[in-house]
Amino acid sequence: MNATNQIVKVGIADLKIASAPDSLRTTGLGSCVGVVIYDPSQRMAGMAHVMLPDSTMARNGELNKMKFADTAIDLLMEELLDRGARRYALKSKIAGGAQMFTFSTSTDMMRVGDRNVEAVIGRLRDHRVPIAAQDVGGNNGRTIEFSPANGILKIRTVNLGESEI
């Protein structure tokens, strides 16, 4: 990488937009889901680090829209379209949603990873953004990095090495 290529870091419950040659990276995806929406021909992408499935879970009316699958994906779509992405060209890739802990009683509340994945997939479907690839589930944390230049999502999975989708 030369000095002009930046890695734009996306924090937890955060989202960012980048264009080639820059790339987007988020770390610490356990039950969280990393959502990338990109326009391949514009070489532009947005990434959200989604913590929870549904903004109705917000406490005390405090709402960080980037924290929840429904509101984060809406915000990501809005930002990409505002910056010139073309709705019909958008594709997505998702990773994360691991089951980080095992519980003797597997109540729905404990399935945060699965519920996050389901919520993300549902919201992308609502926006008619096809999922080009996904690496979800399992019980290992992930770090992901997306390059808008070539549309490759690199995934480093704890104890399992690196892959690309």
N, C-alpha and C. Protein backbone atom coordinates (compact mmCIF):
# COMPACT_ATOMS: atom_id res chain seq x y z
N MET A 1 0.83 -1.19 0.00
CA MET A 1 0.00 0.00 0.00
C MET A 1 0.87 1.25 0.00
N ASN A 2 0.57 2.18 -0.85
CA ASN A 2 1.33 3.43 -0.79
C ASN A 2 0.62 4.40 0.16
N ALA A 3 1.24 5.52 0.38
CA ALA A 3 0.77 6.45 1.40
C ALA A 3 -0.63 7.01 1.13
N THR A 4 -1.09 6.95 -0.11
CA THR A 4 -2.41 7.53 -0.40
C THR A 4 -3.54 6.56 -0.09
N ASN A 5 -3.24 5.28 0.10
CA ASN A 5 -4.29 4.32 0.44
C ASN A 5 -4.53 4.34 1.94
N GLN A 6 -5.72 4.71 2.32
CA GLN A 6 -6.06 4.77 3.74
C GLN A 6 -6.94 3.58 4.11
N ILE A 7 -6.77 3.12 5.35
CA ILE A 7 -7.71 2.14 5.89
C ILE A 7 -8.64 2.93 6.79
N VAL A 8 -9.91 2.97 6.41
CA VAL A 8 -10.91 3.69 7.18
C VAL A 8 -11.44 2.73 8.23
N LYS A 9 -11.23 3.08 9.50
CA LYS A 9 -11.64 2.18 10.59
C LYS A 9 -13.08 2.45 10.98
N VAL A 10 -13.84 1.36 11.07
CA VAL A 10 -15.24 1.43 11.47
C VAL A 10 -15.33 0.85 12.87
N GLY A 11 -15.76 1.66 13.82
CA GLY A 11 -15.85 1.20 15.20
C GLY A 11 -17.09 0.35 15.44
N ILE A 12 -17.28 -0.06 16.68
CA ILE A 12 -18.47 -0.82 17.05
C ILE A 12 -19.65 0.15 17.08
N ALA A 13 -20.77 -0.25 16.50
CA ALA A 13 -21.96 0.61 16.39
C ALA A 13 -21.61 1.89 15.64
N ASP A 14 -20.95 1.70 14.50
CA ASP A 14 -20.43 2.81 13.71
C ASP A 14 -20.65 2.47 12.24
N LEU A 15 -20.57 3.47 11.37
CA LEU A 15 -20.54 3.19 9.93
C LEU A 15 -19.74 4.26 9.23
N LYS A 16 -19.11 3.86 8.13
CA LYS A 16 -18.28 4.78 7.34
C LYS A 16 -18.44 4.44 5.86
N ILE A 17 -18.09 5.42 5.02
CA ILE A 17 -18.11 5.26 3.57
C ILE A 17 -16.68 5.47 3.08
N ALA A 18 -16.27 4.72 2.06
CA ALA A 18 -14.94 4.91 1.46
C ALA A 18 -15.03 4.62 -0.03
N SER A 19 -14.10 5.22 -0.76
CA SER A 19 -13.95 4.95 -2.20
C SER A 19 -12.54 4.48 -2.47
N ALA A 20 -12.38 3.69 -3.54
CA ALA A 20 -11.06 3.21 -3.93
C ALA A 20 -10.15 4.41 -4.11
N PRO A 21 -8.87 4.31 -3.73
CA PRO A 21 -8.14 3.11 -3.31
C PRO A 21 -8.24 2.80 -1.82
N ASP A 22 -9.00 3.59 -1.05
CA ASP A 22 -9.11 3.33 0.38
C ASP A 22 -9.89 2.04 0.64
N SER A 23 -9.73 1.48 1.84
CA SER A 23 -10.50 0.30 2.21
C SER A 23 -11.13 0.54 3.58
N LEU A 24 -12.08 -0.31 3.93
CA LEU A 24 -12.82 -0.21 5.19
C LEU A 24 -12.49 -1.42 6.06
N ARG A 25 -12.30 -1.19 7.36
CA ARG A 25 -11.99 -2.31 8.25
C ARG A 25 -12.75 -2.16 9.56
N THR A 26 -13.24 -3.29 10.07
CA THR A 26 -13.79 -3.31 11.42
C THR A 26 -13.28 -4.56 12.12
N THR A 27 -13.07 -4.43 13.43
CA THR A 27 -12.55 -5.53 14.23
C THR A 27 -13.57 -5.88 15.31
N GLY A 28 -13.36 -7.01 15.94
CA GLY A 28 -14.19 -7.38 17.08
C GLY A 28 -15.60 -7.78 16.73
N LEU A 29 -15.77 -8.40 15.55
CA LEU A 29 -17.11 -8.92 15.20
C LEU A 29 -17.28 -10.26 15.89
N GLY A 30 -18.03 -10.27 16.96
CA GLY A 30 -18.40 -11.52 17.62
C GLY A 30 -19.81 -11.83 17.15
N SER A 31 -20.78 -11.52 18.03
CA SER A 31 -22.19 -11.67 17.63
C SER A 31 -22.61 -10.52 16.72
N CYS A 32 -21.79 -9.47 16.65
CA CYS A 32 -22.07 -8.35 15.75
C CYS A 32 -21.92 -8.79 14.30
N VAL A 33 -22.54 -8.04 13.39
CA VAL A 33 -22.44 -8.33 11.97
C VAL A 33 -21.85 -7.13 11.25
N GLY A 34 -20.84 -7.40 10.44
CA GLY A 34 -20.27 -6.38 9.57
C GLY A 34 -21.03 -6.41 8.26
N VAL A 35 -21.61 -5.28 7.88
CA VAL A 35 -22.41 -5.19 6.66
C VAL A 35 -21.69 -4.26 5.69
N VAL A 36 -21.41 -4.76 4.49
CA VAL A 36 -20.80 -3.93 3.45
C VAL A 36 -21.81 -3.80 2.32
N ILE A 37 -22.10 -2.58 1.93
CA ILE A 37 -22.93 -2.32 0.74
C ILE A 37 -22.05 -1.54 -0.21
N TYR A 38 -21.98 -1.99 -1.46
CA TYR A 38 -21.05 -1.34 -2.39
C TYR A 38 -21.61 -1.25 -3.80
N ASP A 39 -21.09 -0.26 -4.53
CA ASP A 39 -21.40 -0.06 -5.94
C ASP A 39 -20.10 -0.37 -6.68
N PRO A 40 -20.02 -1.57 -7.31
CA PRO A 40 -18.76 -2.00 -7.92
C PRO A 40 -18.22 -1.05 -8.98
N SER A 41 -19.08 -0.50 -9.82
CA SER A 41 -18.56 0.34 -10.90
C SER A 41 -18.15 1.73 -10.40
N GLN A 42 -18.76 2.19 -9.33
CA GLN A 42 -18.36 3.48 -8.74
C GLN A 42 -17.16 3.29 -7.80
N ARG A 43 -16.85 2.03 -7.47
CA ARG A 43 -15.76 1.69 -6.56
C ARG A 43 -15.90 2.43 -5.22
N MET A 44 -17.15 2.36 -4.73
CA MET A 44 -17.51 3.02 -3.47
C MET A 44 -18.21 1.99 -2.58
N ALA A 45 -17.97 2.10 -1.26
CA ALA A 45 -18.61 1.15 -0.35
C ALA A 45 -18.87 1.82 0.99
N GLY A 46 -19.83 1.24 1.70
CA GLY A 46 -20.09 1.63 3.07
C GLY A 46 -20.05 0.39 3.94
N MET A 47 -19.60 0.54 5.17
CA MET A 47 -19.57 -0.58 6.10
C MET A 47 -20.21 -0.15 7.41
N ALA A 48 -21.05 -1.03 7.94
CA ALA A 48 -21.66 -0.80 9.26
C ALA A 48 -21.28 -1.96 10.17
N HIS A 49 -21.04 -1.66 11.43
CA HIS A 49 -20.77 -2.66 12.47
C HIS A 49 -22.01 -2.73 13.34
N VAL A 50 -22.89 -3.68 13.04
CA VAL A 50 -24.20 -3.79 13.67
C VAL A 50 -24.11 -4.64 14.94
N MET A 51 -24.59 -4.07 16.06
CA MET A 51 -24.53 -4.77 17.35
C MET A 51 -25.80 -5.54 17.69
N LEU A 52 -26.94 -4.96 17.35
CA LEU A 52 -28.23 -5.54 17.77
C LEU A 52 -29.20 -5.53 16.60
N PRO A 53 -30.17 -6.45 16.63
CA PRO A 53 -31.04 -6.62 15.47
C PRO A 53 -32.05 -5.51 15.23
N ASP A 54 -32.51 -4.84 16.28
CA ASP A 54 -33.73 -4.06 16.11
C ASP A 54 -33.73 -2.83 17.01
N SER A 55 -33.97 -1.67 16.44
CA SER A 55 -33.92 -0.42 17.20
C SER A 55 -35.00 -0.31 18.26
N THR A 56 -36.01 -1.18 18.25
CA THR A 56 -37.00 -1.14 19.33
C THR A 56 -36.37 -1.60 20.64
N MET A 57 -35.13 -2.17 20.56
CA MET A 57 -34.43 -2.60 21.77
C MET A 57 -33.69 -1.44 22.44
N ALA A 58 -33.74 -0.24 21.85
CA ALA A 58 -33.02 0.91 22.41
C ALA A 58 -33.56 1.21 23.81
N ARG A 59 -32.65 1.54 24.70
CA ARG A 59 -33.05 1.84 26.08
C ARG A 59 -33.24 3.35 26.25
N ASN A 60 -34.24 3.71 27.03
CA ASN A 60 -34.47 5.11 27.42
C ASN A 60 -34.49 6.08 26.24
N GLY A 61 -34.98 5.64 25.11
CA GLY A 61 -35.06 6.53 23.96
C GLY A 61 -33.70 6.93 23.39
N GLU A 62 -32.60 6.44 23.99
CA GLU A 62 -31.26 6.73 23.47
C GLU A 62 -31.10 5.87 22.23
N LEU A 63 -30.89 6.51 21.09
CA LEU A 63 -30.82 5.72 19.87
C LEU A 63 -29.61 6.11 19.03
N ASN A 64 -28.62 5.23 19.06
CA ASN A 64 -27.51 5.35 18.13
C ASN A 64 -27.94 4.53 16.91
N LYS A 65 -28.32 5.22 15.85
CA LYS A 65 -28.86 4.53 14.68
C LYS A 65 -27.88 3.54 14.06
N MET A 66 -26.59 3.70 14.35
CA MET A 66 -25.58 2.82 13.75
C MET A 66 -25.45 1.50 14.51
N LYS A 67 -26.14 1.37 15.62
CA LYS A 67 -26.02 0.19 16.49
C LYS A 67 -26.94 -0.95 16.06
N PHE A 68 -28.03 -0.64 15.38
CA PHE A 68 -29.09 -1.61 15.11
C PHE A 68 -29.19 -1.93 13.62
N ALA A 69 -29.50 -3.18 13.30
CA ALA A 69 -29.55 -3.62 11.90
C ALA A 69 -30.51 -2.77 11.08
N ASP A 70 -31.72 -2.54 11.59
CA ASP A 70 -32.72 -1.82 10.79
C ASP A 70 -32.28 -0.38 10.48
N THR A 71 -31.89 0.36 11.50
CA THR A 71 -31.56 1.77 11.30
C THR A 71 -30.18 1.96 10.65
N ALA A 72 -29.21 1.09 10.97
CA ALA A 72 -27.86 1.23 10.39
C ALA A 72 -27.90 1.01 8.88
N ILE A 73 -28.63 0.00 8.42
CA ILE A 73 -28.68 -0.28 6.98
C ILE A 73 -29.42 0.84 6.25
N ASP A 74 -30.47 1.37 6.85
CA ASP A 74 -31.17 2.52 6.25
C ASP A 74 -30.21 3.71 6.09
N LEU A 75 -29.44 3.98 7.14
CA LEU A 75 -28.49 5.08 7.14
C LEU A 75 -27.39 4.86 6.11
N LEU A 76 -26.89 3.64 6.04
CA LEU A 76 -25.85 3.29 5.07
C LEU A 76 -26.35 3.51 3.64
N MET A 77 -27.56 3.06 3.36
CA MET A 77 -28.15 3.25 2.04
C MET A 77 -28.25 4.74 1.70
N GLU A 78 -28.76 5.51 2.65
CA GLU A 78 -28.95 6.95 2.45
C GLU A 78 -27.61 7.64 2.13
N GLU A 79 -26.58 7.33 2.92
CA GLU A 79 -25.26 7.95 2.72
C GLU A 79 -24.67 7.57 1.37
N LEU A 80 -24.76 6.28 1.00
CA LEU A 80 -24.20 5.84 -0.28
C LEU A 80 -24.91 6.52 -1.45
N LEU A 81 -26.23 6.57 -1.40
CA LEU A 81 -26.99 7.19 -2.48
C LEU A 81 -26.72 8.69 -2.55
N ASP A 82 -26.58 9.35 -1.38
CA ASP A 82 -26.24 10.78 -1.35
C ASP A 82 -24.90 11.05 -2.01
N ARG A 83 -23.99 10.07 -1.93
CA ARG A 83 -22.64 10.27 -2.49
C ARG A 83 -22.49 9.75 -3.91
N GLY A 84 -23.61 9.36 -4.52
CA GLY A 84 -23.56 9.01 -5.94
C GLY A 84 -23.61 7.53 -6.27
N ALA A 85 -23.77 6.67 -5.27
CA ALA A 85 -23.94 5.24 -5.57
C ALA A 85 -25.29 5.08 -6.28
N ARG A 86 -25.38 4.09 -7.16
CA ARG A 86 -26.62 3.87 -7.90
C ARG A 86 -27.36 2.68 -7.31
N ARG A 87 -28.58 2.92 -6.87
CA ARG A 87 -29.37 1.92 -6.16
C ARG A 87 -29.40 0.58 -6.91
N TYR A 88 -29.61 0.60 -8.22
CA TYR A 88 -29.75 -0.65 -8.98
C TYR A 88 -28.44 -1.44 -9.04
N ALA A 89 -27.31 -0.78 -8.80
CA ALA A 89 -26.00 -1.43 -8.92
C ALA A 89 -25.50 -1.99 -7.59
N LEU A 90 -26.17 -1.66 -6.49
CA LEU A 90 -25.66 -2.03 -5.17
C LEU A 90 -25.69 -3.53 -4.93
N LYS A 91 -24.64 -3.99 -4.24
CA LYS A 91 -24.52 -5.38 -3.79
C LYS A 91 -24.06 -5.31 -2.33
N SER A 92 -24.12 -6.45 -1.66
CA SER A 92 -23.67 -6.45 -0.27
C SER A 92 -22.90 -7.73 0.06
N LYS A 93 -22.12 -7.65 1.11
CA LYS A 93 -21.43 -8.80 1.69
C LYS A 93 -21.54 -8.63 3.20
N ILE A 94 -21.73 -9.76 3.88
CA ILE A 94 -21.88 -9.69 5.34
C ILE A 94 -21.01 -10.75 6.01
N ALA A 95 -20.57 -10.45 7.23
CA ALA A 95 -19.77 -11.39 8.01
C ALA A 95 -20.00 -11.14 9.48
N GLY A 96 -19.88 -12.20 10.27
CA GLY A 96 -20.04 -12.08 11.72
C GLY A 96 -21.22 -12.90 12.20
N GLY A 97 -21.86 -12.42 13.25
CA GLY A 97 -23.03 -13.11 13.78
C GLY A 97 -22.69 -14.43 14.45
N ALA A 98 -21.52 -14.50 15.08
CA ALA A 98 -21.11 -15.73 15.76
C ALA A 98 -21.90 -15.91 17.05
N GLN A 99 -21.99 -17.16 17.48
CA GLN A 99 -22.56 -17.49 18.78
C GLN A 99 -21.34 -17.57 19.71
N MET A 100 -21.07 -16.51 20.43
CA MET A 100 -19.82 -16.41 21.18
C MET A 100 -19.82 -17.18 22.49
N PHE A 101 -21.00 -17.47 23.02
CA PHE A 101 -21.05 -18.15 24.30
C PHE A 101 -22.06 -19.28 24.19
N THR A 102 -21.83 -20.35 24.95
CA THR A 102 -22.81 -21.43 24.96
C THR A 102 -23.57 -21.36 26.28
N PHE A 103 -24.87 -21.51 26.17
CA PHE A 103 -25.72 -21.44 27.35
C PHE A 103 -26.47 -22.76 27.47
N SER A 104 -26.74 -23.16 28.71
CA SER A 104 -27.49 -24.41 28.88
C SER A 104 -28.92 -24.24 28.37
N THR A 105 -29.48 -23.07 28.56
CA THR A 105 -30.79 -22.80 27.98
C THR A 105 -30.59 -21.82 26.84
N SER A 106 -30.96 -22.24 25.67
CA SER A 106 -30.72 -21.40 24.50
C SER A 106 -31.97 -20.58 24.20
N THR A 107 -32.24 -19.60 25.07
CA THR A 107 -33.40 -18.74 24.85
C THR A 107 -33.13 -17.82 23.67
N ASP A 108 -34.18 -17.28 23.12
CA ASP A 108 -34.07 -16.41 21.96
C ASP A 108 -33.17 -15.21 22.25
N MET A 109 -33.24 -14.66 23.45
CA MET A 109 -32.43 -13.49 23.79
C MET A 109 -30.93 -13.78 23.69
N MET A 110 -30.55 -15.03 23.92
CA MET A 110 -29.14 -15.38 23.90
C MET A 110 -28.61 -15.59 22.48
N ARG A 111 -29.50 -15.72 21.50
CA ARG A 111 -29.09 -15.97 20.12
C ARG A 111 -28.85 -14.65 19.38
N VAL A 112 -28.09 -13.76 19.99
CA VAL A 112 -27.90 -12.43 19.41
C VAL A 112 -27.27 -12.52 18.02
N GLY A 113 -26.25 -13.36 17.86
CA GLY A 113 -25.59 -13.50 16.56
C GLY A 113 -26.56 -13.90 15.46
N ASP A 114 -27.33 -14.97 15.71
CA ASP A 114 -28.31 -15.44 14.73
C ASP A 114 -29.35 -14.36 14.43
N ARG A 115 -29.83 -13.70 15.48
CA ARG A 115 -30.85 -12.68 15.30
C ARG A 115 -30.30 -11.49 14.53
N ASN A 116 -29.03 -11.14 14.78
CA ASN A 116 -28.41 -10.06 14.02
C ASN A 116 -28.34 -10.41 12.53
N VAL A 117 -27.91 -11.64 12.23
CA VAL A 117 -27.80 -12.07 10.83
C VAL A 117 -29.18 -12.03 10.16
N GLU A 118 -30.19 -12.57 10.84
CA GLU A 118 -31.55 -12.58 10.28
C GLU A 118 -32.04 -11.16 10.02
N ALA A 119 -31.79 -10.25 10.96
CA ALA A 119 -32.25 -8.86 10.82
C ALA A 119 -31.53 -8.16 9.66
N VAL A 120 -30.22 -8.40 9.53
CA VAL A 120 -29.45 -7.79 8.44
C VAL A 120 -29.94 -8.30 7.09
N ILE A 121 -30.12 -9.60 6.98
CA ILE A 121 -30.58 -10.19 5.71
C ILE A 121 -31.96 -9.64 5.36
N GLY A 122 -32.84 -9.54 6.35
CA GLY A 122 -34.19 -9.02 6.12
C GLY A 122 -34.17 -7.58 5.65
N ARG A 123 -33.32 -6.77 6.27
CA ARG A 123 -33.27 -5.34 5.91
C ARG A 123 -32.66 -5.15 4.52
N LEU A 124 -31.64 -5.94 4.19
CA LEU A 124 -31.06 -5.85 2.84
C LEU A 124 -32.11 -6.26 1.81
N ARG A 125 -32.91 -7.27 2.14
CA ARG A 125 -33.99 -7.71 1.24
C ARG A 125 -35.01 -6.57 1.07
N ASP A 126 -35.36 -5.89 2.17
CA ASP A 126 -36.29 -4.76 2.10
C ASP A 126 -35.78 -3.70 1.12
N HIS A 127 -34.48 -3.48 1.10
CA HIS A 127 -33.87 -2.48 0.22
C HIS A 127 -33.54 -3.06 -1.16
N ARG A 128 -33.83 -4.34 -1.36
CA ARG A 128 -33.55 -5.03 -2.63
C ARG A 128 -32.06 -4.97 -3.00
N VAL A 129 -31.22 -5.16 -1.99
CA VAL A 129 -29.77 -5.21 -2.21
C VAL A 129 -29.36 -6.67 -2.10
N PRO A 130 -28.93 -7.29 -3.22
CA PRO A 130 -28.55 -8.70 -3.16
C PRO A 130 -27.29 -8.92 -2.32
N ILE A 131 -27.26 -10.07 -1.63
CA ILE A 131 -26.07 -10.45 -0.87
C ILE A 131 -25.19 -11.29 -1.78
N ALA A 132 -24.03 -10.73 -2.16
CA ALA A 132 -23.12 -11.41 -3.08
C ALA A 132 -22.37 -12.54 -2.37
N ALA A 133 -22.10 -12.38 -1.06
CA ALA A 133 -21.36 -13.40 -0.31
C ALA A 133 -21.57 -13.15 1.17
N GLN A 134 -21.43 -14.22 1.95
CA GLN A 134 -21.55 -14.08 3.39
C GLN A 134 -20.69 -15.11 4.11
N ASP A 135 -20.24 -14.75 5.30
CA ASP A 135 -19.49 -15.63 6.18
C ASP A 135 -20.03 -15.35 7.58
N VAL A 136 -21.04 -16.12 7.98
CA VAL A 136 -21.74 -15.83 9.23
C VAL A 136 -21.83 -17.07 10.10
N GLY A 137 -22.12 -16.84 11.39
CA GLY A 137 -22.30 -17.94 12.33
C GLY A 137 -20.98 -18.44 12.91
N GLY A 138 -21.01 -19.68 13.36
CA GLY A 138 -19.83 -20.24 14.00
C GLY A 138 -19.68 -19.70 15.40
N ASN A 139 -18.50 -19.93 16.02
CA ASN A 139 -18.29 -19.39 17.37
C ASN A 139 -17.00 -18.61 17.49
N ASN A 140 -16.49 -18.09 16.39
CA ASN A 140 -15.24 -17.33 16.44
C ASN A 140 -15.44 -15.89 16.00
N GLY A 141 -14.70 -15.02 16.66
CA GLY A 141 -14.73 -13.61 16.29
C GLY A 141 -14.03 -13.38 14.95
N ARG A 142 -14.35 -12.26 14.32
CA ARG A 142 -13.78 -11.94 13.02
C ARG A 142 -13.35 -10.48 12.95
N THR A 143 -12.37 -10.24 12.06
CA THR A 143 -11.99 -8.90 11.63
C THR A 143 -12.20 -8.91 10.12
N ILE A 144 -12.82 -7.86 9.59
CA ILE A 144 -13.04 -7.82 8.14
C ILE A 144 -12.47 -6.55 7.54
N GLU A 145 -12.04 -6.67 6.29
CA GLU A 145 -11.55 -5.51 5.55
C GLU A 145 -12.07 -5.61 4.12
N PHE A 146 -12.70 -4.52 3.66
CA PHE A 146 -13.30 -4.50 2.32
C PHE A 146 -12.59 -3.50 1.44
N SER A 147 -12.29 -3.93 0.21
CA SER A 147 -11.66 -3.06 -0.77
C SER A 147 -12.68 -2.67 -1.84
N PRO A 148 -13.10 -1.40 -1.89
CA PRO A 148 -14.01 -0.95 -2.95
C PRO A 148 -13.37 -1.06 -4.34
N ALA A 149 -12.04 -1.12 -4.40
CA ALA A 149 -11.35 -1.20 -5.69
C ALA A 149 -11.65 -2.51 -6.42
N ASN A 150 -11.73 -3.62 -5.65
CA ASN A 150 -11.94 -4.92 -6.30
C ASN A 150 -13.12 -5.71 -5.73
N GLY A 151 -13.81 -5.16 -4.75
CA GLY A 151 -14.99 -5.83 -4.20
C GLY A 151 -14.69 -7.04 -3.33
N ILE A 152 -13.43 -7.18 -2.89
CA ILE A 152 -13.05 -8.34 -2.07
C ILE A 152 -13.18 -8.01 -0.59
N LEU A 153 -13.83 -8.92 0.14
CA LEU A 153 -13.93 -8.82 1.59
C LEU A 153 -12.97 -9.84 2.18
N LYS A 154 -11.94 -9.36 2.88
CA LYS A 154 -10.99 -10.24 3.56
C LYS A 154 -11.52 -10.46 4.97
N ILE A 155 -11.51 -11.71 5.38
CA ILE A 155 -12.02 -12.05 6.71
C ILE A 155 -10.94 -12.80 7.47
N ARG A 156 -10.56 -12.26 8.63
CA ARG A 156 -9.65 -12.98 9.51
C ARG A 156 -10.50 -13.50 10.66
N THR A 157 -10.56 -14.83 10.77
CA THR A 157 -11.38 -15.46 11.80
C THR A 157 -10.45 -16.00 12.88
N VAL A 158 -10.76 -15.67 14.14
CA VAL A 158 -9.94 -16.12 15.26
C VAL A 158 -9.79 -17.64 15.19
N ASN A 159 -8.56 -18.11 15.25
CA ASN A 159 -8.18 -19.55 15.23
C ASN A 159 -8.42 -20.23 13.88
N LEU A 160 -8.94 -19.54 12.88
CA LEU A 160 -9.23 -20.20 11.60
C LEU A 160 -8.51 -19.57 10.41
N GLY A 161 -7.75 -18.50 10.66
CA GLY A 161 -6.99 -17.91 9.57
C GLY A 161 -7.79 -16.92 8.74
N GLU A 162 -7.31 -16.69 7.51
CA GLU A 162 -7.87 -15.65 6.65
C GLU A 162 -8.54 -16.26 5.43
N SER A 163 -9.63 -15.63 5.01
CA SER A 163 -10.30 -16.04 3.77
C SER A 163 -10.77 -14.79 3.05
N GLU A 164 -11.20 -14.98 1.82
CA GLU A 164 -11.73 -13.87 1.02
C GLU A 164 -13.05 -14.27 0.39
N ILE A 165 -13.99 -13.34 0.41
CA ILE A 165 -15.27 -13.59 -0.28
C ILE A 165 -15.60 -12.36 -1.12
